[in-house]
């Protein structure tokens, strides 16, 4: 391998570090061919993992499906965060799914609102 050759991460991504409610928060957003992967962590690892998608029907308005793949199932605000992000992705014209990992110290509505806004500000859609 030529040592003068530089390599880039092959997936389009965006990474940001910020403070949310006094907690250092790392956000990584990756764009794949068929989905977005968003990792938000305050604990240094992945947390609850959600899958969100838009479901279209000829007869009705679109609906949004958010399910928990792994992690806390008793946190409705995590589902709300996933729903807001998939709605934003859909309204921007993309039909891609979202895989969202939330490793947060605080699951309050205020924290999740700030997380949602930070992801939208740094979006790849």
C-alpha atoms as a PDB file:
ATOM      1  CA  UNK A   1       0.000   0.000   0.000  1.00  0.00           C
ATOM      2  CA  UNK A   2       1.303   3.424  -0.913  1.00  0.00           C
ATOM      3  CA  UNK A   3       1.788   5.440   2.281  1.00  0.00           C
ATOM      4  CA  UNK A   4       1.149   8.695   0.398  1.00  0.00           C
ATOM      5  CA  UNK A   5      -2.368   7.603  -0.510  1.00  0.00           C
ATOM      6  CA  UNK A   6      -5.177   8.923   1.655  1.00  0.00           C
ATOM      7  CA  UNK A   7      -8.447   7.101   2.228  1.00  0.00           C
ATOM      8  CA  UNK A   8     -11.852   8.528   2.957  1.00  0.00           C
ATOM      9  CA  UNK A   9     -14.674   6.858   4.812  1.00  0.00           C
ATOM     10  CA  UNK A  10     -16.696   5.418   1.890  1.00  0.00           C
ATOM     11  CA  UNK A  11     -20.115   6.472   3.243  1.00  0.00           C
ATOM     12  CA  UNK A  12     -21.313  10.080   3.025  1.00  0.00           C
ATOM     13  CA  UNK A  13     -21.455  11.267   6.617  1.00  0.00           C
ATOM     14  CA  UNK A  14     -21.563  14.255   8.896  1.00  0.00           C
ATOM     15  CA  UNK A  15     -20.321  14.361  12.498  1.00  0.00           C
ATOM     16  CA  UNK A  16     -20.839  17.041  15.113  1.00  0.00           C
ATOM     17  CA  UNK A  17     -20.138  17.414  18.813  1.00  0.00           C
ATOM     18  CA  UNK A  18     -22.199  19.791  20.929  1.00  0.00           C
ATOM     19  CA  UNK A  19     -23.581  20.422  24.395  1.00  0.00           C
ATOM     20  CA  UNK A  20     -27.221  19.555  25.028  1.00  0.00           C
ATOM     21  CA  UNK A  21     -28.571  20.374  28.488  1.00  0.00           C
ATOM     22  CA  UNK A  22     -25.066  20.157  29.989  1.00  0.00           C
ATOM     23  CA  UNK A  23     -24.212  16.809  28.362  1.00  0.00           C
ATOM     24  CA  UNK A  24     -21.539  16.407  25.676  1.00  0.00           C
ATOM     25  CA  UNK A  25     -23.445  14.987  22.714  1.00  0.00           C
ATOM     26  CA  UNK A  26     -21.930  13.311  19.650  1.00  0.00           C
ATOM     27  CA  UNK A  27     -24.036  13.064  16.500  1.00  0.00           C
ATOM     28  CA  UNK A  28     -23.077  11.038  13.435  1.00  0.00           C
ATOM     29  CA  UNK A  29     -25.321  11.017  10.367  1.00  0.00           C
ATOM     30  CA  UNK A  30     -24.596   8.545   7.551  1.00  0.00           C
ATOM     31  CA  UNK A  31     -26.320   8.341   4.187  1.00  0.00           C
ATOM     32  CA  UNK A  32     -26.505   4.918   2.557  1.00  0.00           C
ATOM     33  CA  UNK A  33     -28.222   4.004  -0.714  1.00  0.00           C
ATOM     34  CA  UNK A  34     -31.501   3.038   0.959  1.00  0.00           C
ATOM     35  CA  UNK A  35     -31.445   4.554   4.452  1.00  0.00           C
ATOM     36  CA  UNK A  36     -30.048   7.131   6.820  1.00  0.00           C
ATOM     37  CA  UNK A  37     -28.236   6.054   9.977  1.00  0.00           C
ATOM     38  CA  UNK A  38     -28.245   8.615  12.788  1.00  0.00           C
ATOM     39  CA  UNK A  39     -26.285   7.914  15.958  1.00  0.00           C
ATOM     40  CA  UNK A  40     -26.708  10.308  18.878  1.00  0.00           C
ATOM     41  CA  UNK A  41     -24.786   9.527  22.049  1.00  0.00           C
ATOM     42  CA  UNK A  42     -24.061  11.116  25.385  1.00  0.00           C
ATOM     43  CA  UNK A  43     -22.862   7.833  26.878  1.00  0.00           C
ATOM     44  CA  UNK A  44     -20.115   6.932  24.388  1.00  0.00           C
ATOM     45  CA  UNK A  45     -21.967   4.030  22.791  1.00  0.00           C
ATOM     46  CA  UNK A  46     -25.140   3.225  20.913  1.00  0.00           C
ATOM     47  CA  UNK A  47     -28.344   3.241  22.913  1.00  0.00           C
ATOM     48  CA  UNK A  48     -31.901   2.424  21.965  1.00  0.00           C
ATOM     49  CA  UNK A  49     -32.115   1.645  18.243  1.00  0.00           C
ATOM     50  CA  UNK A  50     -35.235   2.590  16.292  1.00  0.00           C
ATOM     51  CA  UNK A  51     -36.355   1.997  12.717  1.00  0.00           C
ATOM     52  CA  UNK A  52     -38.626   4.558  11.078  1.00  0.00           C
ATOM     53  CA  UNK A  53     -40.232   4.636   7.650  1.00  0.00           C
ATOM     54  CA  UNK A  54     -42.954   6.308   5.680  1.00  0.00           C
ATOM     55  CA  UNK A  55     -45.805   4.077   4.538  1.00  0.00           C
ATOM     56  CA  UNK A  56     -47.731   5.307   1.524  1.00  0.00           C
ATOM     57  CA  UNK A  57     -51.221   4.350   0.463  1.00  0.00           C
ATOM     58  CA  UNK A  58     -53.229   5.258  -2.598  1.00  0.00           C
ATOM     59  CA  UNK A  59     -56.388   5.841  -0.566  1.00  0.00           C
ATOM     60  CA  UNK A  60     -55.075   7.691   2.499  1.00  0.00           C
ATOM     61  CA  UNK A  61     -52.450  10.171   3.544  1.00  0.00           C
ATOM     62  CA  UNK A  62     -49.043   8.674   4.301  1.00  0.00           C
ATOM     63  CA  UNK A  63     -48.432   7.261   7.767  1.00  0.00           C
ATOM     64  CA  UNK A  64     -45.169   6.924   9.628  1.00  0.00           C
ATOM     65  CA  UNK A  65     -44.065   3.751  11.334  1.00  0.00           C
ATOM     66  CA  UNK A  66     -41.503   3.862  14.143  1.00  0.00           C
ATOM     67  CA  UNK A  67     -40.458   0.695  15.933  1.00  0.00           C
ATOM     68  CA  UNK A  68     -37.842  -0.129  18.519  1.00  0.00           C
ATOM     69  CA  UNK A  69     -35.321  -2.678  17.305  1.00  0.00           C
ATOM     70  CA  UNK A  70     -33.269  -2.820  20.499  1.00  0.00           C
ATOM     71  CA  UNK A  71     -33.335  -1.083  23.859  1.00  0.00           C
ATOM     72  CA  UNK A  72     -35.809   0.836  26.006  1.00  0.00           C
ATOM     73  CA  UNK A  73     -39.390   0.116  25.013  1.00  0.00           C
ATOM     74  CA  UNK A  74     -41.047   2.244  27.681  1.00  0.00           C
ATOM     75  CA  UNK A  75     -39.829   5.652  26.500  1.00  0.00           C
ATOM     76  CA  UNK A  76     -42.513   7.304  24.310  1.00  0.00           C
ATOM     77  CA  UNK A  77     -40.347  10.395  23.720  1.00  0.00           C
ATOM     78  CA  UNK A  78     -37.780   8.264  21.882  1.00  0.00           C
ATOM     79  CA  UNK A  79     -40.517   7.166  19.466  1.00  0.00           C
ATOM     80  CA  UNK A  80     -41.622  10.788  19.070  1.00  0.00           C
ATOM     81  CA  UNK A  81     -38.072  11.801  18.153  1.00  0.00           C
ATOM     82  CA  UNK A  82     -37.916   9.065  15.496  1.00  0.00           C
ATOM     83  CA  UNK A  83     -41.284  10.112  14.119  1.00  0.00           C
ATOM     84  CA  UNK A  84     -40.301  13.779  13.863  1.00  0.00           C
ATOM     85  CA  UNK A  85     -37.109  12.889  12.013  1.00  0.00           C
ATOM     86  CA  UNK A  86     -38.770  10.505   9.529  1.00  0.00           C
ATOM     87  CA  UNK A  87     -41.465  13.113   8.847  1.00  0.00           C
ATOM     88  CA  UNK A  88     -38.757  15.703   8.194  1.00  0.00           C
ATOM     89  CA  UNK A  89     -36.900  13.300   5.874  1.00  0.00           C
ATOM     90  CA  UNK A  90     -40.133  12.547   4.011  1.00  0.00           C
ATOM     91  CA  UNK A  91     -41.145  16.220   3.703  1.00  0.00           C
ATOM     92  CA  UNK A  92     -37.752  16.982   2.191  1.00  0.00           C
ATOM     93  CA  UNK A  93     -38.595  14.623  -0.680  1.00  0.00           C
ATOM     94  CA  UNK A  94     -36.683  11.510   0.365  1.00  0.00           C
ATOM     95  CA  UNK A  95     -38.344   8.111   0.676  1.00  0.00           C
ATOM     96  CA  UNK A  96     -35.428   6.494   2.523  1.00  0.00           C
ATOM     97  CA  UNK A  97     -35.833   4.739   5.864  1.00  0.00           C
ATOM     98  CA  UNK A  98     -34.177   5.896   9.079  1.00  0.00           C
ATOM     99  CA  UNK A  99     -32.217   3.863  11.597  1.00  0.00           C
ATOM    100  CA  UNK A 100     -31.782   5.957  14.729  1.00  0.00           C
ATOM    101  CA  UNK A 101     -29.650   5.190  17.768  1.00  0.00           C
ATOM    102  CA  UNK A 102     -30.224   7.277  20.887  1.00  0.00           C
ATOM    103  CA  UNK A 103     -27.734   6.785  23.716  1.00  0.00           C
ATOM    104  CA  UNK A 104     -28.854   9.599  25.980  1.00  0.00           C
ATOM    105  CA  UNK A 105     -28.387  10.326  29.685  1.00  0.00           C
ATOM    106  CA  UNK A 106     -31.619  12.324  29.720  1.00  0.00           C
ATOM    107  CA  UNK A 107     -34.815  11.312  27.883  1.00  0.00           C
ATOM    108  CA  UNK A 108     -36.782  14.464  28.673  1.00  0.00           C
ATOM    109  CA  UNK A 109     -38.904  16.120  25.969  1.00  0.00           C
ATOM    110  CA  UNK A 110     -36.604  19.170  26.052  1.00  0.00           C
ATOM    111  CA  UNK A 111     -33.476  17.078  25.435  1.00  0.00           C
ATOM    112  CA  UNK A 112     -35.116  15.132  22.614  1.00  0.00           C
ATOM    113  CA  UNK A 113     -36.338  18.363  21.022  1.00  0.00           C
ATOM    114  CA  UNK A 114     -32.766  19.708  21.079  1.00  0.00           C
ATOM    115  CA  UNK A 115     -31.472  16.409  19.656  1.00  0.00           C
ATOM    116  CA  UNK A 116     -34.043  16.537  16.846  1.00  0.00           C
ATOM    117  CA  UNK A 117     -33.142  20.136  15.990  1.00  0.00           C
ATOM    118  CA  UNK A 118     -29.407  19.341  16.014  1.00  0.00           C
ATOM    119  CA  UNK A 119     -29.890  16.377  13.663  1.00  0.00           C
ATOM    120  CA  UNK A 120     -32.032  18.477  11.302  1.00  0.00           C
ATOM    121  CA  UNK A 121     -29.431  21.281  11.287  1.00  0.00           C
ATOM    122  CA  UNK A 122     -26.725  18.788  10.281  1.00  0.00           C
ATOM    123  CA  UNK A 123     -28.846  16.612   7.996  1.00  0.00           C
ATOM    124  CA  UNK A 124     -27.735  14.894   4.808  1.00  0.00           C
ATOM    125  CA  UNK A 125     -31.200  14.747   3.212  1.00  0.00           C
END
